[in-house]
Amino acid sequence: MCQNFKPGDLALTLVGNDRYPSMTQVELVEMLQPGDVWLHRGLEIPLVKVVWVCRSRYWEMIYQPKDLMPLHGDFTHEQQKAKEAV
């Protein structure tokens, strides 16, 4: 699934906790690979899985691709599409 994402895409988080709630809209910043190190709040976190650095309005966090739902495509309601076609 990670090949479907690219930097700048929007997604919803599917997992969360008290600080980083699920179903939050995030922007994907960059994909990191196993062996990369992510610097977060002064801590160096070595990565063992592919993750995306994601940014919301108030915070930045990493998520595995399986924990993100892409937000792209046409979300217009079918009724609205039908009205525009007439």
PDB file of N, CA and C in Angstrom:
ATOM      1  N   MET A   1       0.811  -1.195   0.000  1.00  0.00           N
ATOM      2  CA  MET A   1       0.000   0.000   0.000  1.00  0.00           C
ATOM      3  C   MET A   1       0.857   1.263   0.000  1.00  0.00           C
ATOM      4  N   CYS A   2       2.081   1.201   0.501  1.00  0.00           N
ATOM      5  CA  CYS A   2       2.887   2.415   0.596  1.00  0.00           C
ATOM      6  C   CYS A   2       3.218   2.986  -0.772  1.00  0.00           C
ATOM      7  N   GLN A   3       3.200   2.163  -1.832  1.00  0.00           N
ATOM      8  CA  GLN A   3       3.482   2.691  -3.154  1.00  0.00           C
ATOM      9  C   GLN A   3       2.345   3.569  -3.669  1.00  0.00           C
ATOM     10  N   ASN A   4       1.182   3.519  -3.027  1.00  0.00           N
ATOM     11  CA  ASN A   4       0.057   4.357  -3.432  1.00  0.00           C
ATOM     12  C   ASN A   4       0.179   5.780  -2.898  1.00  0.00           C
ATOM     13  N   PHE A   5       1.013   5.988  -1.909  1.00  0.00           N
ATOM     14  CA  PHE A   5       1.167   7.305  -1.301  1.00  0.00           C
ATOM     15  C   PHE A   5       2.335   8.051  -1.922  1.00  0.00           C
ATOM     16  N   LYS A   6       2.237   9.386  -1.856  1.00  0.00           N
ATOM     17  CA  LYS A   6       3.371  10.222  -2.248  1.00  0.00           C
ATOM     18  C   LYS A   6       3.376  11.455  -1.343  1.00  0.00           C
ATOM     19  N   PRO A   7       4.515  12.105  -1.182  1.00  0.00           N
ATOM     20  CA  PRO A   7       4.560  13.295  -0.334  1.00  0.00           C
ATOM     21  C   PRO A   7       3.524  14.325  -0.783  1.00  0.00           C
ATOM     22  N   GLY A   8       2.864  14.929   0.204  1.00  0.00           N
ATOM     23  CA  GLY A   8       1.831  15.912  -0.078  1.00  0.00           C
ATOM     24  C   GLY A   8       0.425  15.342  -0.075  1.00  0.00           C
ATOM     25  N   ASP A   9       0.301  14.007  -0.161  1.00  0.00           N
ATOM     26  CA  ASP A   9      -1.022  13.383  -0.104  1.00  0.00           C
ATOM     27  C   ASP A   9      -1.655  13.607   1.258  1.00  0.00           C
ATOM     28  N   LEU A  10      -2.981  13.596   1.291  1.00  0.00           N
ATOM     29  CA  LEU A  10      -3.726  13.663   2.541  1.00  0.00           C
ATOM     30  C   LEU A  10      -4.218  12.272   2.898  1.00  0.00           C
ATOM     31  N   ALA A  11      -4.296  12.002   4.206  1.00  0.00           N
ATOM     32  CA  ALA A  11      -4.765  10.701   4.686  1.00  0.00           C
ATOM     33  C   ALA A  11      -5.429  10.880   6.043  1.00  0.00           C
ATOM     34  N   LEU A  12      -6.191   9.865   6.437  1.00  0.00           N
ATOM     35  CA  LEU A  12      -6.737   9.791   7.791  1.00  0.00           C
ATOM     36  C   LEU A  12      -5.937   8.762   8.562  1.00  0.00           C
ATOM     37  N   THR A  13      -5.655   9.059   9.826  1.00  0.00           N
ATOM     38  CA  THR A  13      -4.979   8.082  10.674  1.00  0.00           C
ATOM     39  C   THR A  13      -6.010   7.072  11.172  1.00  0.00           C
ATOM     40  N   LEU A  14      -5.651   5.801  11.146  1.00  0.00           N
ATOM     41  CA  LEU A  14      -6.568   4.740  11.561  1.00  0.00           C
ATOM     42  C   LEU A  14      -6.289   4.248  12.972  1.00  0.00           C
ATOM     43  N   VAL A  15      -5.205   4.686  13.560  1.00  0.00           N
ATOM     44  CA  VAL A  15      -4.857   4.326  14.938  1.00  0.00           C
ATOM     45  C   VAL A  15      -4.581   5.614  15.704  1.00  0.00           C
ATOM     46  N   GLY A  16      -4.676   5.538  17.016  1.00  0.00           N
ATOM     47  CA  GLY A  16      -4.416   6.730  17.799  1.00  0.00           C
ATOM     48  C   GLY A  16      -4.255   6.423  19.273  1.00  0.00           C
ATOM     49  N   ASN A  17      -4.017   7.481  20.028  1.00  0.00           N
ATOM     50  CA  ASN A  17      -3.928   7.396  21.485  1.00  0.00           C
ATOM     51  C   ASN A  17      -4.384   8.745  22.046  1.00  0.00           C
ATOM     52  N   ASP A  18      -4.123   8.993  23.308  1.00  0.00           N
ATOM     53  CA  ASP A  18      -4.585  10.241  23.931  1.00  0.00           C
ATOM     54  C   ASP A  18      -3.997  11.487  23.278  1.00  0.00           C
ATOM     55  N   ARG A  19      -2.775  11.399  22.846  1.00  0.00           N
ATOM     56  CA  ARG A  19      -2.098  12.571  22.283  1.00  0.00           C
ATOM     57  C   ARG A  19      -2.339  12.720  20.780  1.00  0.00           C
ATOM     58  N   TYR A  20      -2.382  11.601  20.077  1.00  0.00           N
ATOM     59  CA  TYR A  20      -2.516  11.613  18.623  1.00  0.00           C
ATOM     60  C   TYR A  20      -3.758  10.805  18.244  1.00  0.00           C
ATOM     61  N   PRO A  21      -4.931  11.441  18.147  1.00  0.00           N
ATOM     62  CA  PRO A  21      -6.179  10.704  17.954  1.00  0.00           C
ATOM     63  C   PRO A  21      -6.299  10.062  16.572  1.00  0.00           C
ATOM     64  N   SER A  22      -7.033   8.951  16.531  1.00  0.00           N
ATOM     65  CA  SER A  22      -7.326   8.328  15.244  1.00  0.00           C
ATOM     66  C   SER A  22      -8.317   9.194  14.478  1.00  0.00           C
ATOM     67  N   MET A  23      -8.408   8.946  13.191  1.00  0.00           N
ATOM     68  CA  MET A  23      -9.295   9.678  12.280  1.00  0.00           C
ATOM     69  C   MET A  23      -8.925  11.159  12.169  1.00  0.00           C
ATOM     70  N   THR A  24      -7.646  11.447  12.347  1.00  0.00           N
ATOM     71  CA  THR A  24      -7.135  12.800  12.163  1.00  0.00           C
ATOM     72  C   THR A  24      -6.625  12.934  10.734  1.00  0.00           C
ATOM     73  N   GLN A  25      -6.958  14.035  10.078  1.00  0.00           N
ATOM     74  CA  GLN A  25      -6.434  14.272   8.738  1.00  0.00           C
ATOM     75  C   GLN A  25      -4.991  14.730   8.852  1.00  0.00           C
ATOM     76  N   VAL A  26      -4.122  14.095   8.064  1.00  0.00           N
ATOM     77  CA  VAL A  26      -2.702  14.435   8.069  1.00  0.00           C
ATOM     78  C   VAL A  26      -2.215  14.607   6.633  1.00  0.00           C
ATOM     79  N   GLU A  27      -1.111  15.321   6.508  1.00  0.00           N
ATOM     80  CA  GLU A  27      -0.408  15.431   5.231  1.00  0.00           C
ATOM     81  C   GLU A  27       0.838  14.568   5.316  1.00  0.00           C
ATOM     82  N   LEU A  28       1.080  13.758   4.291  1.00  0.00           N
ATOM     83  CA  LEU A  28       2.264  12.914   4.267  1.00  0.00           C
ATOM     84  C   LEU A  28       3.463  13.758   3.850  1.00  0.00           C
ATOM     85  N   VAL A  29       4.516  13.718   4.665  1.00  0.00           N
ATOM     86  CA  VAL A  29       5.688  14.551   4.435  1.00  0.00           C
ATOM     87  C   VAL A  29       6.760  13.772   3.685  1.00  0.00           C
ATOM     88  N   GLU A  30       7.179  12.638   4.247  1.00  0.00           N
ATOM     89  CA  GLU A  30       8.192  11.813   3.589  1.00  0.00           C
ATOM     90  C   GLU A  30       8.103  10.382   4.084  1.00  0.00           C
ATOM     91  N   MET A  31       8.525   9.461   3.220  1.00  0.00           N
ATOM     92  CA  MET A  31       8.556   8.054   3.588  1.00  0.00           C
ATOM     93  C   MET A  31       9.966   7.718   4.079  1.00  0.00           C
ATOM     94  N   LEU A  32      10.037   7.034   5.221  1.00  0.00           N
ATOM     95  CA  LEU A  32      11.316   6.610   5.784  1.00  0.00           C
ATOM     96  C   LEU A  32      11.417   5.093   5.713  1.00  0.00           C
ATOM     97  N   GLN A  33      12.622   4.604   5.534  1.00  0.00           N
ATOM     98  CA  GLN A  33      12.878   3.178   5.349  1.00  0.00           C
ATOM     99  C   GLN A  33      13.495   2.563   6.605  1.00  0.00           C
ATOM    100  N   PRO A  34      13.411   1.227   6.735  1.00  0.00           N
ATOM    101  CA  PRO A  34      14.113   0.574   7.846  1.00  0.00           C
ATOM    102  C   PRO A  34      15.596   0.952   7.816  1.00  0.00           C
ATOM    103  N   GLY A  35      16.131   1.236   8.981  1.00  0.00           N
ATOM    104  CA  GLY A  35      17.519   1.682   9.080  1.00  0.00           C
ATOM    105  C   GLY A  35      17.648   3.195   9.173  1.00  0.00           C
ATOM    106  N   ASP A  36      16.633   3.928   8.711  1.00  0.00           N
ATOM    107  CA  ASP A  36      16.636   5.382   8.868  1.00  0.00           C
ATOM    108  C   ASP A  36      16.428   5.728  10.342  1.00  0.00           C
ATOM    109  N   VAL A  37      16.791   6.939  10.711  1.00  0.00           N
ATOM    110  CA  VAL A  37      16.581   7.432  12.073  1.00  0.00           C
ATOM    111  C   VAL A  37      15.651   8.636  11.985  1.00  0.00           C
ATOM    112  N   TRP A  38      14.611   8.627  12.816  1.00  0.00           N
ATOM    113  CA  TRP A  38      13.669   9.749  12.873  1.00  0.00           C
ATOM    114  C   TRP A  38      13.945  10.531  14.144  1.00  0.00           C
ATOM    115  N   LEU A  39      14.160  11.840  14.015  1.00  0.00           N
ATOM    116  CA  LEU A  39      14.413  12.712  15.157  1.00  0.00           C
ATOM    117  C   LEU A  39      13.092  13.335  15.587  1.00  0.00           C
ATOM    118  N   HIS A  40      12.658  13.023  16.811  1.00  0.00           N
ATOM    119  CA  HIS A  40      11.371  13.521  17.316  1.00  0.00           C
ATOM    120  C   HIS A  40      11.547  14.003  18.748  1.00  0.00           C
ATOM    121  N   ARG A  41      11.294  15.289  18.958  1.00  0.00           N
ATOM    122  CA  ARG A  41      11.392  15.901  20.293  1.00  0.00           C
ATOM    123  C   ARG A  41      12.745  15.621  20.959  1.00  0.00           C
ATOM    124  N   GLY A  42      13.788  15.698  20.184  1.00  0.00           N
ATOM    125  CA  GLY A  42      15.132  15.509  20.703  1.00  0.00           C
ATOM    126  C   GLY A  42      15.575  14.061  20.819  1.00  0.00           C
ATOM    127  N   LEU A  43      14.706  13.125  20.479  1.00  0.00           N
ATOM    128  CA  LEU A  43      15.054  11.704  20.540  1.00  0.00           C
ATOM    129  C   LEU A  43      15.356  11.180  19.145  1.00  0.00           C
ATOM    130  N   GLU A  44      16.389  10.356  19.041  1.00  0.00           N
ATOM    131  CA  GLU A  44      16.691   9.683  17.782  1.00  0.00           C
ATOM    132  C   GLU A  44      16.050   8.305  17.825  1.00  0.00           C
ATOM    133  N   ILE A  45      15.110   8.065  16.935  1.00  0.00           N
ATOM    134  CA  ILE A  45      14.367   6.807  16.934  1.00  0.00           C
ATOM    135  C   ILE A  45      14.772   6.012  15.699  1.00  0.00           C
ATOM    136  N   PRO A  46      15.518   4.892  15.886  1.00  0.00           N
ATOM    137  CA  PRO A  46      15.873   4.055  14.739  1.00  0.00           C
ATOM    138  C   PRO A  46      14.636   3.288  14.265  1.00  0.00           C
ATOM    139  N   LEU A  47      14.453   3.235  12.967  1.00  0.00           N
ATOM    140  CA  LEU A  47      13.251   2.624  12.402  1.00  0.00           C
ATOM    141  C   LEU A  47      13.525   1.207  11.912  1.00  0.00           C
ATOM    142  N   VAL A  48      12.569   0.327  12.149  1.00  0.00           N
ATOM    143  CA  VAL A  48      12.697  -1.065  11.698  1.00  0.00           C
ATOM    144  C   VAL A  48      11.630  -1.411  10.657  1.00  0.00           C
ATOM    145  N   LYS A  49      10.716  -0.476  10.385  1.00  0.00           N
ATOM    146  CA  LYS A  49       9.665  -0.682   9.389  1.00  0.00           C
ATOM    147  C   LYS A  49       9.552   0.566   8.524  1.00  0.00           C
ATOM    148  N   VAL A  50       8.934   0.404   7.361  1.00  0.00           N
ATOM    149  CA  VAL A  50       8.625   1.556   6.513  1.00  0.00           C
ATOM    150  C   VAL A  50       7.551   2.382   7.211  1.00  0.00           C
ATOM    151  N   VAL A  51       7.772   3.686   7.303  1.00  0.00           N
ATOM    152  CA  VAL A  51       6.797   4.596   7.915  1.00  0.00           C
ATOM    153  C   VAL A  51       6.716   5.875   7.091  1.00  0.00           C
ATOM    154  N   TRP A  52       5.617   6.584   7.289  1.00  0.00           N
ATOM    155  CA  TRP A  52       5.456   7.918   6.724  1.00  0.00           C
ATOM    156  C   TRP A  52       5.506   8.936   7.849  1.00  0.00           C
ATOM    157  N   VAL A  53       6.269   9.996   7.657  1.00  0.00           N
ATOM    158  CA  VAL A  53       6.206  11.148   8.550  1.00  0.00           C
ATOM    159  C   VAL A  53       4.961  11.919   8.131  1.00  0.00           C
ATOM    160  N   CYS A  54       4.056  12.130   9.092  1.00  0.00           N
ATOM    161  CA  CYS A  54       2.774  12.785   8.820  1.00  0.00           C
ATOM    162  C   CYS A  54       2.641  14.027   9.681  1.00  0.00           C
ATOM    163  N   ARG A  55       2.077  15.060   9.096  1.00  0.00           N
ATOM    164  CA  ARG A  55       1.905  16.329   9.805  1.00  0.00           C
ATOM    165  C   ARG A  55       0.420  16.672   9.854  1.00  0.00           C
ATOM    166  N   SER A  56      -0.037  16.987  11.054  1.00  0.00           N
ATOM    167  CA  SER A  56      -1.392  17.520  11.195  1.00  0.00           C
ATOM    168  C   SER A  56      -1.254  19.008  11.490  1.00  0.00           C
ATOM    169  N   ARG A  57      -2.331  19.621  11.886  1.00  0.00           N
ATOM    170  CA  ARG A  57      -2.277  21.054  12.178  1.00  0.00           C
ATOM    171  C   ARG A  57      -1.392  21.361  13.383  1.00  0.00           C
ATOM    172  N   TYR A  58      -1.366  20.444  14.357  1.00  0.00           N
ATOM    173  CA  TYR A  58      -0.684  20.733  15.624  1.00  0.00           C
ATOM    174  C   TYR A  58       0.515  19.852  15.936  1.00  0.00           C
ATOM    175  N   TRP A  59       0.713  18.765  15.211  1.00  0.00           N
ATOM    176  CA  TRP A  59       1.780  17.847  15.574  1.00  0.00           C
ATOM    177  C   TRP A  59       2.293  17.096  14.356  1.00  0.00           C
ATOM    178  N   GLU A  60       3.405  16.393  14.572  1.00  0.00           N
ATOM    179  CA  GLU A  60       4.006  15.549  13.545  1.00  0.00           C
ATOM    180  C   GLU A  60       4.272  14.188  14.169  1.00  0.00           C
ATOM    181  N   MET A  61       3.984  13.123  13.433  1.00  0.00           N
ATOM    182  CA  MET A  61       4.137  11.764  13.958  1.00  0.00           C
ATOM    183  C   MET A  61       4.425  10.835  12.783  1.00  0.00           C
ATOM    184  N   ILE A  62       4.880   9.611  13.087  1.00  0.00           N
ATOM    185  CA  ILE A  62       5.106   8.617  12.042  1.00  0.00           C
ATOM    186  C   ILE A  62       4.030   7.536  12.122  1.00  0.00           C
ATOM    187  N   TYR A  63       3.663   7.022  10.954  1.00  0.00           N
ATOM    188  CA  TYR A  63       2.660   5.959  10.851  1.00  0.00           C
ATOM    189  C   TYR A  63       3.099   4.950   9.807  1.00  0.00           C
ATOM    190  N   GLN A  64       2.792   3.688  10.056  1.00  0.00           N
ATOM    191  CA  GLN A  64       2.976   2.674   9.036  1.00  0.00           C
ATOM    192  C   GLN A  64       1.915   2.885   7.963  1.00  0.00           C
ATOM    193  N   PRO A  65       2.215   2.545   6.720  1.00  0.00           N
ATOM    194  CA  PRO A  65       1.229   2.734   5.651  1.00  0.00           C
ATOM    195  C   PRO A  65      -0.107   2.045   5.934  1.00  0.00           C
ATOM    196  N   LYS A  66      -0.089   0.900   6.613  1.00  0.00           N
ATOM    197  CA  LYS A  66      -1.329   0.176   6.908  1.00  0.00           C
ATOM    198  C   LYS A  66      -2.218   0.945   7.886  1.00  0.00           C
ATOM    199  N   ASP A  67      -1.658   1.921   8.584  1.00  0.00           N
ATOM    200  CA  ASP A  67      -2.405   2.710   9.563  1.00  0.00           C
ATOM    201  C   ASP A  67      -2.898   4.044   9.002  1.00  0.00           C
ATOM    202  N   LEU A  68      -2.842   4.181   7.678  1.00  0.00           N
ATOM    203  CA  LEU A  68      -3.285   5.404   7.007  1.00  0.00           C
ATOM    204  C   LEU A  68      -4.307   5.067   5.926  1.00  0.00           C
ATOM    205  N   MET A  69      -5.347   5.883   5.829  1.00  0.00           N
ATOM    206  CA  MET A  69      -6.343   5.726   4.774  1.00  0.00           C
ATOM    207  C   MET A  69      -6.222   6.925   3.839  1.00  0.00           C
ATOM    208  N   PRO A  70      -5.916   6.681   2.563  1.00  0.00           N
ATOM    209  CA  PRO A  70      -5.734   7.800   1.639  1.00  0.00           C
ATOM    210  C   PRO A  70      -7.003   8.622   1.473  1.00  0.00           C
ATOM    211  N   LEU A  71      -6.822   9.910   1.323  1.00  0.00           N
ATOM    212  CA  LEU A  71      -7.923  10.836   1.044  1.00  0.00           C
ATOM    213  C   LEU A  71      -7.663  11.467  -0.316  1.00  0.00           C
ATOM    214  N   HIS A  72      -7.959  10.737  -1.349  1.00  0.00           N
ATOM    215  CA  HIS A  72      -7.844  11.309  -2.687  1.00  0.00           C
ATOM    216  C   HIS A  72      -8.953  10.743  -3.547  1.00  0.00           C
ATOM    217  N   GLY A  73      -9.208  11.377  -4.655  1.00  0.00           N
ATOM    218  CA  GLY A  73     -10.301  10.963  -5.524  1.00  0.00           C
ATOM    219  C   GLY A  73     -11.430  11.970  -5.466  1.00  0.00           C
ATOM    220  N   ASP A  74     -12.529  11.603  -6.096  1.00  0.00           N
ATOM    221  CA  ASP A  74     -13.686  12.485  -6.197  1.00  0.00           C
ATOM    222  C   ASP A  74     -14.691  12.103  -5.127  1.00  0.00           C
ATOM    223  N   PHE A  75     -14.926  12.987  -4.151  1.00  0.00           N
ATOM    224  CA  PHE A  75     -15.844  12.701  -3.053  1.00  0.00           C
ATOM    225  C   PHE A  75     -17.204  13.371  -3.248  1.00  0.00           C
ATOM    226  N   THR A  76     -17.468  13.888  -4.444  1.00  0.00           N
ATOM    227  CA  THR A  76     -18.744  14.543  -4.702  1.00  0.00           C
ATOM    228  C   THR A  76     -19.866  13.519  -4.622  1.00  0.00           C
ATOM    229  N   HIS A  77     -20.968  13.889  -3.971  1.00  0.00           N
ATOM    230  CA  HIS A  77     -22.102  12.977  -3.853  1.00  0.00           C
ATOM    231  C   HIS A  77     -22.685  12.675  -5.230  1.00  0.00           C
ATOM    232  N   GLU A  78     -23.205  11.474  -5.393  1.00  0.00           N
ATOM    233  CA  GLU A  78     -23.778  11.055  -6.666  1.00  0.00           C
ATOM    234  C   GLU A  78     -24.920  11.964  -7.103  1.00  0.00           C
ATOM    235  N   GLN A  79     -25.752  12.423  -6.168  1.00  0.00           N
ATOM    236  CA  GLN A  79     -26.867  13.300  -6.536  1.00  0.00           C
ATOM    237  C   GLN A  79     -26.357  14.617  -7.104  1.00  0.00           C
ATOM    238  N   GLN A  80     -25.320  15.151  -6.510  1.00  0.00           N
ATOM    239  CA  GLN A  80     -24.767  16.408  -7.002  1.00  0.00           C
ATOM    240  C   GLN A  80     -24.181  16.207  -8.395  1.00  0.00           C
ATOM    241  N   LYS A  81     -23.530  15.076  -8.618  1.00  0.00           N
ATOM    242  CA  LYS A  81     -22.988  14.784  -9.943  1.00  0.00           C
ATOM    243  C   LYS A  81     -24.103  14.705 -10.973  1.00  0.00           C
ATOM    244  N   ALA A  82     -25.221  14.079 -10.598  1.00  0.00           N
ATOM    245  CA  ALA A  82     -26.349  13.938 -11.520  1.00  0.00           C
ATOM    246  C   ALA A  82     -26.934  15.303 -11.868  1.00  0.00           C
ATOM    247  N   LYS A  83     -27.053  16.200 -10.888  1.00  0.00           N
ATOM    248  CA  LYS A  83     -27.580  17.546 -11.144  1.00  0.00           C
ATOM    249  C   LYS A  83     -26.680  18.312 -12.107  1.00  0.00           C
ATOM    250  N   GLU A  84     -25.374  18.161 -11.933  1.00  0.00           N
ATOM    251  CA  GLU A  84     -24.438  18.873 -12.795  1.00  0.00           C
ATOM    252  C   GLU A  84     -24.481  18.338 -14.215  1.00  0.00           C
ATOM    253  N   ALA A  85     -24.825  17.069 -14.377  1.00  0.00           N
ATOM    254  CA  ALA A  85     -24.871  16.465 -15.700  1.00  0.00           C
ATOM    255  C   ALA A  85     -26.077  16.939 -16.501  1.00  0.00           C
ATOM    256  N   VAL A  86     -27.134  17.392 -15.813  1.00  0.00           N
ATOM    257  CA  VAL A  86     -28.371  17.813 -16.499  1.00  0.00           C
ATOM    258  C   VAL A  86     -28.243  19.175 -17.107  1.00  0.00           C
TER     259      VAL A  86
END
